[in-house]
Amino acid sequence: MGSDYDSLIRAFELCDPLEEFRSRVLRRNEDQENDGAPTSLHLDELNPDDWNILREIMHILQPFRK
């Protein structure tokens, strides 16, 4: 459980850089010709509700980390 908690802490630390990376790749892909199919990054997107759920899970796991 500690490693799950640590992974969530790291994900929140890297949230902004990951989102910036994802946005850059999506913009680059949109500039190139494609067939309109969603890329894997579109399918792996975390929306604000997902981040809120992860935050709740992190708070639940926190006592077990100690």
PDB file of N, CA and C in Angstrom:
ATOM      1  N   MET A   1       0.812  -1.195   0.000  1.00  0.00           N
ATOM      2  CA  MET A   1       0.000   0.000   0.000  1.00  0.00           C
ATOM      3  C   MET A   1       0.857   1.261   0.000  1.00  0.00           C
ATOM      4  N   GLY A   2       2.030   1.169   0.622  1.00  0.00           N
ATOM      5  CA  GLY A   2       2.910   2.326   0.662  1.00  0.00           C
ATOM      6  C   GLY A   2       3.356   2.747  -0.720  1.00  0.00           C
ATOM      7  N   SER A   3       3.626   1.767  -1.577  1.00  0.00           N
ATOM      8  CA  SER A   3       4.072   2.124  -2.922  1.00  0.00           C
ATOM      9  C   SER A   3       2.939   2.752  -3.730  1.00  0.00           C
ATOM     10  N   ASP A   4       1.704   2.334  -3.506  1.00  0.00           N
ATOM     11  CA  ASP A   4       0.568   2.978  -4.180  1.00  0.00           C
ATOM     12  C   ASP A   4       0.449   4.431  -3.749  1.00  0.00           C
ATOM     13  N   TYR A   5       0.586   4.649  -2.467  1.00  0.00           N
ATOM     14  CA  TYR A   5       0.523   6.018  -1.944  1.00  0.00           C
ATOM     15  C   TYR A   5       1.658   6.850  -2.531  1.00  0.00           C
ATOM     16  N   ASP A   6       2.869   6.298  -2.527  1.00  0.00           N
ATOM     17  CA  ASP A   6       4.022   7.017  -3.079  1.00  0.00           C
ATOM     18  C   ASP A   6       3.819   7.327  -4.562  1.00  0.00           C
ATOM     19  N   SER A   7       3.228   6.407  -5.297  1.00  0.00           N
ATOM     20  CA  SER A   7       2.959   6.635  -6.721  1.00  0.00           C
ATOM     21  C   SER A   7       1.969   7.776  -6.918  1.00  0.00           C
ATOM     22  N   LEU A   8       0.973   7.841  -6.075  1.00  0.00           N
ATOM     23  CA  LEU A   8       0.002   8.928  -6.175  1.00  0.00           C
ATOM     24  C   LEU A   8       0.633  10.271  -5.826  1.00  0.00           C
ATOM     25  N   ILE A   9       1.473  10.284  -4.812  1.00  0.00           N
ATOM     26  CA  ILE A   9       2.182  11.522  -4.466  1.00  0.00           C
ATOM     27  C   ILE A   9       2.985  11.991  -5.670  1.00  0.00           C
ATOM     28  N   ARG A  10       3.705  11.072  -6.296  1.00  0.00           N
ATOM     29  CA  ARG A  10       4.531  11.425  -7.459  1.00  0.00           C
ATOM     30  C   ARG A  10       3.660  11.890  -8.625  1.00  0.00           C
ATOM     31  N   ALA A  11       2.542  11.252  -8.849  1.00  0.00           N
ATOM     32  CA  ALA A  11       1.643  11.653  -9.937  1.00  0.00           C
ATOM     33  C   ALA A  11       1.170  13.092  -9.740  1.00  0.00           C
ATOM     34  N   PHE A  12       0.841  13.464  -8.511  1.00  0.00           N
ATOM     35  CA  PHE A  12       0.403  14.832  -8.257  1.00  0.00           C
ATOM     36  C   PHE A  12       1.554  15.821  -8.399  1.00  0.00           C
ATOM     37  N   GLU A  13       2.761  15.392  -8.059  1.00  0.00           N
ATOM     38  CA  GLU A  13       3.920  16.257  -8.257  1.00  0.00           C
ATOM     39  C   GLU A  13       4.172  16.520  -9.744  1.00  0.00           C
ATOM     40  N   LEU A  14       3.898  15.519 -10.561  1.00  0.00           N
ATOM     41  CA  LEU A  14       4.177  15.617 -11.995  1.00  0.00           C
ATOM     42  C   LEU A  14       2.947  15.942 -12.837  1.00  0.00           C
ATOM     43  N   CYS A  15       1.841  16.231 -12.202  1.00  0.00           N
ATOM     44  CA  CYS A  15       0.593  16.479 -12.928  1.00  0.00           C
ATOM     45  C   CYS A  15       0.746  17.558 -13.996  1.00  0.00           C
ATOM     46  N   ASP A  16       1.277  18.707 -13.637  1.00  0.00           N
ATOM     47  CA  ASP A  16       1.404  19.801 -14.600  1.00  0.00           C
ATOM     48  C   ASP A  16       2.364  19.472 -15.739  1.00  0.00           C
ATOM     49  N   PRO A  17       3.570  18.957 -15.447  1.00  0.00           N
ATOM     50  CA  PRO A  17       4.456  18.594 -16.568  1.00  0.00           C
ATOM     51  C   PRO A  17       3.879  17.497 -17.462  1.00  0.00           C
ATOM     52  N   LEU A  18       3.193  16.539 -16.875  1.00  0.00           N
ATOM     53  CA  LEU A  18       2.579  15.479 -17.688  1.00  0.00           C
ATOM     54  C   LEU A  18       1.488  16.044 -18.590  1.00  0.00           C
ATOM     55  N   GLU A  19       0.699  16.943 -18.053  1.00  0.00           N
ATOM     56  CA  GLU A  19      -0.375  17.545 -18.844  1.00  0.00           C
ATOM     57  C   GLU A  19       0.201  18.398 -19.973  1.00  0.00           C
ATOM     58  N   GLU A  20       1.284  19.108 -19.701  1.00  0.00           N
ATOM     59  CA  GLU A  20       1.934  19.910 -20.734  1.00  0.00           C
ATOM     60  C   GLU A  20       2.489  19.012 -21.848  1.00  0.00           C
ATOM     61  N   PHE A  21       3.127  17.911 -21.465  1.00  0.00           N
ATOM     62  CA  PHE A  21       3.644  16.956 -22.442  1.00  0.00           C
ATOM     63  C   PHE A  21       2.511  16.411 -23.311  1.00  0.00           C
ATOM     64  N   ARG A  22       1.428  16.008 -22.656  1.00  0.00           N
ATOM     65  CA  ARG A  22       0.282  15.454 -23.371  1.00  0.00           C
ATOM     66  C   ARG A  22      -0.288  16.478 -24.352  1.00  0.00           C
ATOM     67  N   SER A  23      -0.412  17.725 -23.924  1.00  0.00           N
ATOM     68  CA  SER A  23      -0.951  18.772 -24.791  1.00  0.00           C
ATOM     69  C   SER A  23      -0.053  19.017 -26.001  1.00  0.00           C
ATOM     70  N   ARG A  24       1.244  19.039 -25.766  1.00  0.00           N
ATOM     71  CA  ARG A  24       2.179  19.258 -26.880  1.00  0.00           C
ATOM     72  C   ARG A  24       2.100  18.137 -27.914  1.00  0.00           C
ATOM     73  N   VAL A  25       2.052  16.914 -27.438  1.00  0.00           N
ATOM     74  CA  VAL A  25       1.981  15.776 -28.364  1.00  0.00           C
ATOM     75  C   VAL A  25       0.668  15.809 -29.137  1.00  0.00           C
ATOM     76  N   LEU A  26      -0.425  16.110 -28.459  1.00  0.00           N
ATOM     77  CA  LEU A  26      -1.721  16.162 -29.144  1.00  0.00           C
ATOM     78  C   LEU A  26      -1.747  17.276 -30.183  1.00  0.00           C
ATOM     79  N   ARG A  27      -1.182  18.448 -29.845  1.00  0.00           N
ATOM     80  CA  ARG A  27      -1.131  19.537 -30.829  1.00  0.00           C
ATOM     81  C   ARG A  27      -0.282  19.144 -32.032  1.00  0.00           C
ATOM     82  N   ARG A  28       0.852  18.504 -31.775  1.00  0.00           N
ATOM     83  CA  ARG A  28       1.721  18.072 -32.865  1.00  0.00           C
ATOM     84  C   ARG A  28       1.000  17.062 -33.756  1.00  0.00           C
ATOM     85  N   ASN A  29       0.273  16.139 -33.140  1.00  0.00           N
ATOM     86  CA  ASN A  29      -0.459  15.142 -33.911  1.00  0.00           C
ATOM     87  C   ASN A  29      -1.592  15.769 -34.720  1.00  0.00           C
ATOM     88  N   GLU A  30      -2.218  16.806 -34.172  1.00  0.00           N
ATOM     89  CA  GLU A  30      -3.295  17.474 -34.893  1.00  0.00           C
ATOM     90  C   GLU A  30      -2.758  18.231 -36.107  1.00  0.00           C
ATOM     91  N   ASP A  31      -1.525  18.710 -36.005  1.00  0.00           N
ATOM     92  CA  ASP A  31      -0.912  19.416 -37.130  1.00  0.00           C
ATOM     93  C   ASP A  31      -0.570  18.472 -38.279  1.00  0.00           C
ATOM     94  N   GLN A  32      -0.377  17.199 -37.953  1.00  0.00           N
ATOM     95  CA  GLN A  32      -0.073  16.210 -38.984  1.00  0.00           C
ATOM     96  C   GLN A  32      -1.385  15.613 -39.481  1.00  0.00           C
ATOM     97  N   GLU A  33      -1.315  15.042 -40.667  1.00  0.00           N
ATOM     98  CA  GLU A  33      -2.518  14.403 -41.198  1.00  0.00           C
ATOM     99  C   GLU A  33      -2.794  13.126 -40.416  1.00  0.00           C
ATOM    100  N   ASN A  34      -4.046  12.940 -40.081  1.00  0.00           N
ATOM    101  CA  ASN A  34      -4.459  11.674 -39.463  1.00  0.00           C
ATOM    102  C   ASN A  34      -5.865  11.351 -39.926  1.00  0.00           C
ATOM    103  N   ASP A  35      -6.313  10.183 -39.567  1.00  0.00           N
ATOM    104  CA  ASP A  35      -7.628   9.731 -40.029  1.00  0.00           C
ATOM    105  C   ASP A  35      -8.764  10.127 -39.096  1.00  0.00           C
ATOM    106  N   GLY A  36      -8.473  10.980 -38.126  1.00  0.00           N
ATOM    107  CA  GLY A  36      -9.509  11.422 -37.190  1.00  0.00           C
ATOM    108  C   GLY A  36      -9.709  10.479 -36.020  1.00  0.00           C
ATOM    109  N   ALA A  37      -8.985   9.362 -36.005  1.00  0.00           N
ATOM    110  CA  ALA A  37      -9.111   8.410 -34.901  1.00  0.00           C
ATOM    111  C   ALA A  37      -8.402   8.977 -33.668  1.00  0.00           C
ATOM    112  N   PRO A  38      -8.944   8.715 -32.496  1.00  0.00           N
ATOM    113  CA  PRO A  38      -8.284   9.213 -31.290  1.00  0.00           C
ATOM    114  C   PRO A  38      -6.945   8.521 -31.081  1.00  0.00           C
ATOM    115  N   THR A  39      -5.982   9.276 -30.601  1.00  0.00           N
ATOM    116  CA  THR A  39      -4.683   8.695 -30.288  1.00  0.00           C
ATOM    117  C   THR A  39      -4.760   8.033 -28.922  1.00  0.00           C
ATOM    118  N   SER A  40      -3.745   7.273 -28.579  1.00  0.00           N
ATOM    119  CA  SER A  40      -3.728   6.625 -27.269  1.00  0.00           C
ATOM    120  C   SER A  40      -3.713   7.666 -26.150  1.00  0.00           C
ATOM    121  N   LEU A  41      -3.125   8.837 -26.416  1.00  0.00           N
ATOM    122  CA  LEU A  41      -3.130   9.883 -25.396  1.00  0.00           C
ATOM    123  C   LEU A  41      -4.536  10.422 -25.141  1.00  0.00           C
ATOM    124  N   HIS A  42      -5.355  10.479 -26.159  1.00  0.00           N
ATOM    125  CA  HIS A  42      -6.754  10.881 -25.943  1.00  0.00           C
ATOM    126  C   HIS A  42      -7.458   9.879 -25.038  1.00  0.00           C
ATOM    127  N   LEU A  43      -7.139   8.616 -25.234  1.00  0.00           N
ATOM    128  CA  LEU A  43      -7.804   7.563 -24.473  1.00  0.00           C
ATOM    129  C   LEU A  43      -7.304   7.480 -23.030  1.00  0.00           C
ATOM    130  N   ASP A  44      -6.092   7.964 -22.770  1.00  0.00           N
ATOM    131  CA  ASP A  44      -5.491   7.866 -21.439  1.00  0.00           C
ATOM    132  C   ASP A  44      -5.614   9.142 -20.626  1.00  0.00           C
ATOM    133  N   GLU A  45      -6.391  10.061 -21.085  1.00  0.00           N
ATOM    134  CA  GLU A  45      -6.508  11.356 -20.408  1.00  0.00           C
ATOM    135  C   GLU A  45      -7.172  11.203 -19.046  1.00  0.00           C
ATOM    136  N   LEU A  46      -6.631  11.925 -18.063  1.00  0.00           N
ATOM    137  CA  LEU A  46      -7.259  12.012 -16.752  1.00  0.00           C
ATOM    138  C   LEU A  46      -7.968  13.358 -16.668  1.00  0.00           C
ATOM    139  N   ASN A  47      -9.259  13.323 -16.431  1.00  0.00           N
ATOM    140  CA  ASN A  47     -10.014  14.568 -16.315  1.00  0.00           C
ATOM    141  C   ASN A  47     -10.030  15.010 -14.848  1.00  0.00           C
ATOM    142  N   PRO A  48     -10.534  16.191 -14.559  1.00  0.00           N
ATOM    143  CA  PRO A  48     -10.537  16.677 -13.169  1.00  0.00           C
ATOM    144  C   PRO A  48     -11.235  15.731 -12.187  1.00  0.00           C
ATOM    145  N   ASP A  49     -12.301  15.078 -12.622  1.00  0.00           N
ATOM    146  CA  ASP A  49     -12.968  14.116 -11.734  1.00  0.00           C
ATOM    147  C   ASP A  49     -12.050  12.943 -11.399  1.00  0.00           C
ATOM    148  N   ASP A  50     -11.276  12.485 -12.391  1.00  0.00           N
ATOM    149  CA  ASP A  50     -10.325  11.399 -12.146  1.00  0.00           C
ATOM    150  C   ASP A  50      -9.287  11.814 -11.106  1.00  0.00           C
ATOM    151  N   TRP A  51      -8.758  13.037 -11.250  1.00  0.00           N
ATOM    152  CA  TRP A  51      -7.765  13.532 -10.287  1.00  0.00           C
ATOM    153  C   TRP A  51      -8.374  13.648  -8.898  1.00  0.00           C
ATOM    154  N   ASN A  52      -9.630  14.042  -8.794  1.00  0.00           N
ATOM    155  CA  ASN A  52     -10.288  14.134  -7.486  1.00  0.00           C
ATOM    156  C   ASN A  52     -10.428  12.762  -6.845  1.00  0.00           C
ATOM    157  N   ILE A  53     -10.767  11.765  -7.642  1.00  0.00           N
ATOM    158  CA  ILE A  53     -10.872  10.399  -7.117  1.00  0.00           C
ATOM    159  C   ILE A  53      -9.508   9.909  -6.646  1.00  0.00           C
ATOM    160  N   LEU A  54      -8.476  10.177  -7.431  1.00  0.00           N
ATOM    161  CA  LEU A  54      -7.127   9.776  -7.025  1.00  0.00           C
ATOM    162  C   LEU A  54      -6.705  10.483  -5.740  1.00  0.00           C
ATOM    163  N   ARG A  55      -7.103  11.736  -5.588  1.00  0.00           N
ATOM    164  CA  ARG A  55      -6.789  12.481  -4.364  1.00  0.00           C
ATOM    165  C   ARG A  55      -7.478  11.835  -3.164  1.00  0.00           C
ATOM    166  N   GLU A  56      -8.727  11.417  -3.327  1.00  0.00           N
ATOM    167  CA  GLU A  56      -9.449  10.752  -2.240  1.00  0.00           C
ATOM    168  C   GLU A  56      -8.780   9.425  -1.883  1.00  0.00           C
ATOM    169  N   ILE A  57      -8.376   8.671  -2.892  1.00  0.00           N
ATOM    170  CA  ILE A  57      -7.692   7.399  -2.639  1.00  0.00           C
ATOM    171  C   ILE A  57      -6.390   7.647  -1.894  1.00  0.00           C
ATOM    172  N   MET A  58      -5.668   8.677  -2.292  1.00  0.00           N
ATOM    173  CA  MET A  58      -4.409   9.006  -1.646  1.00  0.00           C
ATOM    174  C   MET A  58      -4.637   9.308  -0.157  1.00  0.00           C
ATOM    175  N   HIS A  59      -5.687  10.049   0.158  1.00  0.00           N
ATOM    176  CA  HIS A  59      -5.992  10.367   1.557  1.00  0.00           C
ATOM    177  C   HIS A  59      -6.380   9.121   2.339  1.00  0.00           C
ATOM    178  N   ILE A  60      -7.054   8.185   1.695  1.00  0.00           N
ATOM    179  CA  ILE A  60      -7.421   6.923   2.362  1.00  0.00           C
ATOM    180  C   ILE A  60      -6.171   6.098   2.646  1.00  0.00           C
ATOM    181  N   LEU A  61      -5.226   6.092   1.718  1.00  0.00           N
ATOM    182  CA  LEU A  61      -4.014   5.274   1.878  1.00  0.00           C
ATOM    183  C   LEU A  61      -2.986   5.898   2.813  1.00  0.00           C
ATOM    184  N   GLN A  62      -3.066   7.187   3.040  1.00  0.00           N
ATOM    185  CA  GLN A  62      -2.042   7.885   3.823  1.00  0.00           C
ATOM    186  C   GLN A  62      -1.789   7.251   5.191  1.00  0.00           C
ATOM    187  N   PRO A  63      -2.797   6.917   5.963  1.00  0.00           N
ATOM    188  CA  PRO A  63      -2.514   6.314   7.287  1.00  0.00           C
ATOM    189  C   PRO A  63      -1.763   4.981   7.191  1.00  0.00           C
ATOM    190  N   PHE A  64      -1.960   4.243   6.126  1.00  0.00           N
ATOM    191  CA  PHE A  64      -1.290   2.957   5.976  1.00  0.00           C
ATOM    192  C   PHE A  64       0.177   3.124   5.605  1.00  0.00           C
ATOM    193  N   ARG A  65       0.540   4.276   5.083  1.00  0.00           N
ATOM    194  CA  ARG A  65       1.924   4.541   4.709  1.00  0.00           C
ATOM    195  C   ARG A  65       2.807   4.597   5.948  1.00  0.00           C
ATOM    196  N   LYS A  66       2.248   5.087   7.026  1.00  0.00           N
ATOM    197  CA  LYS A  66       3.020   5.198   8.266  1.00  0.00           C
ATOM    198  C   LYS A  66       3.182   3.832   8.861  1.00  0.00           C
TER     199      LYS A  66
END
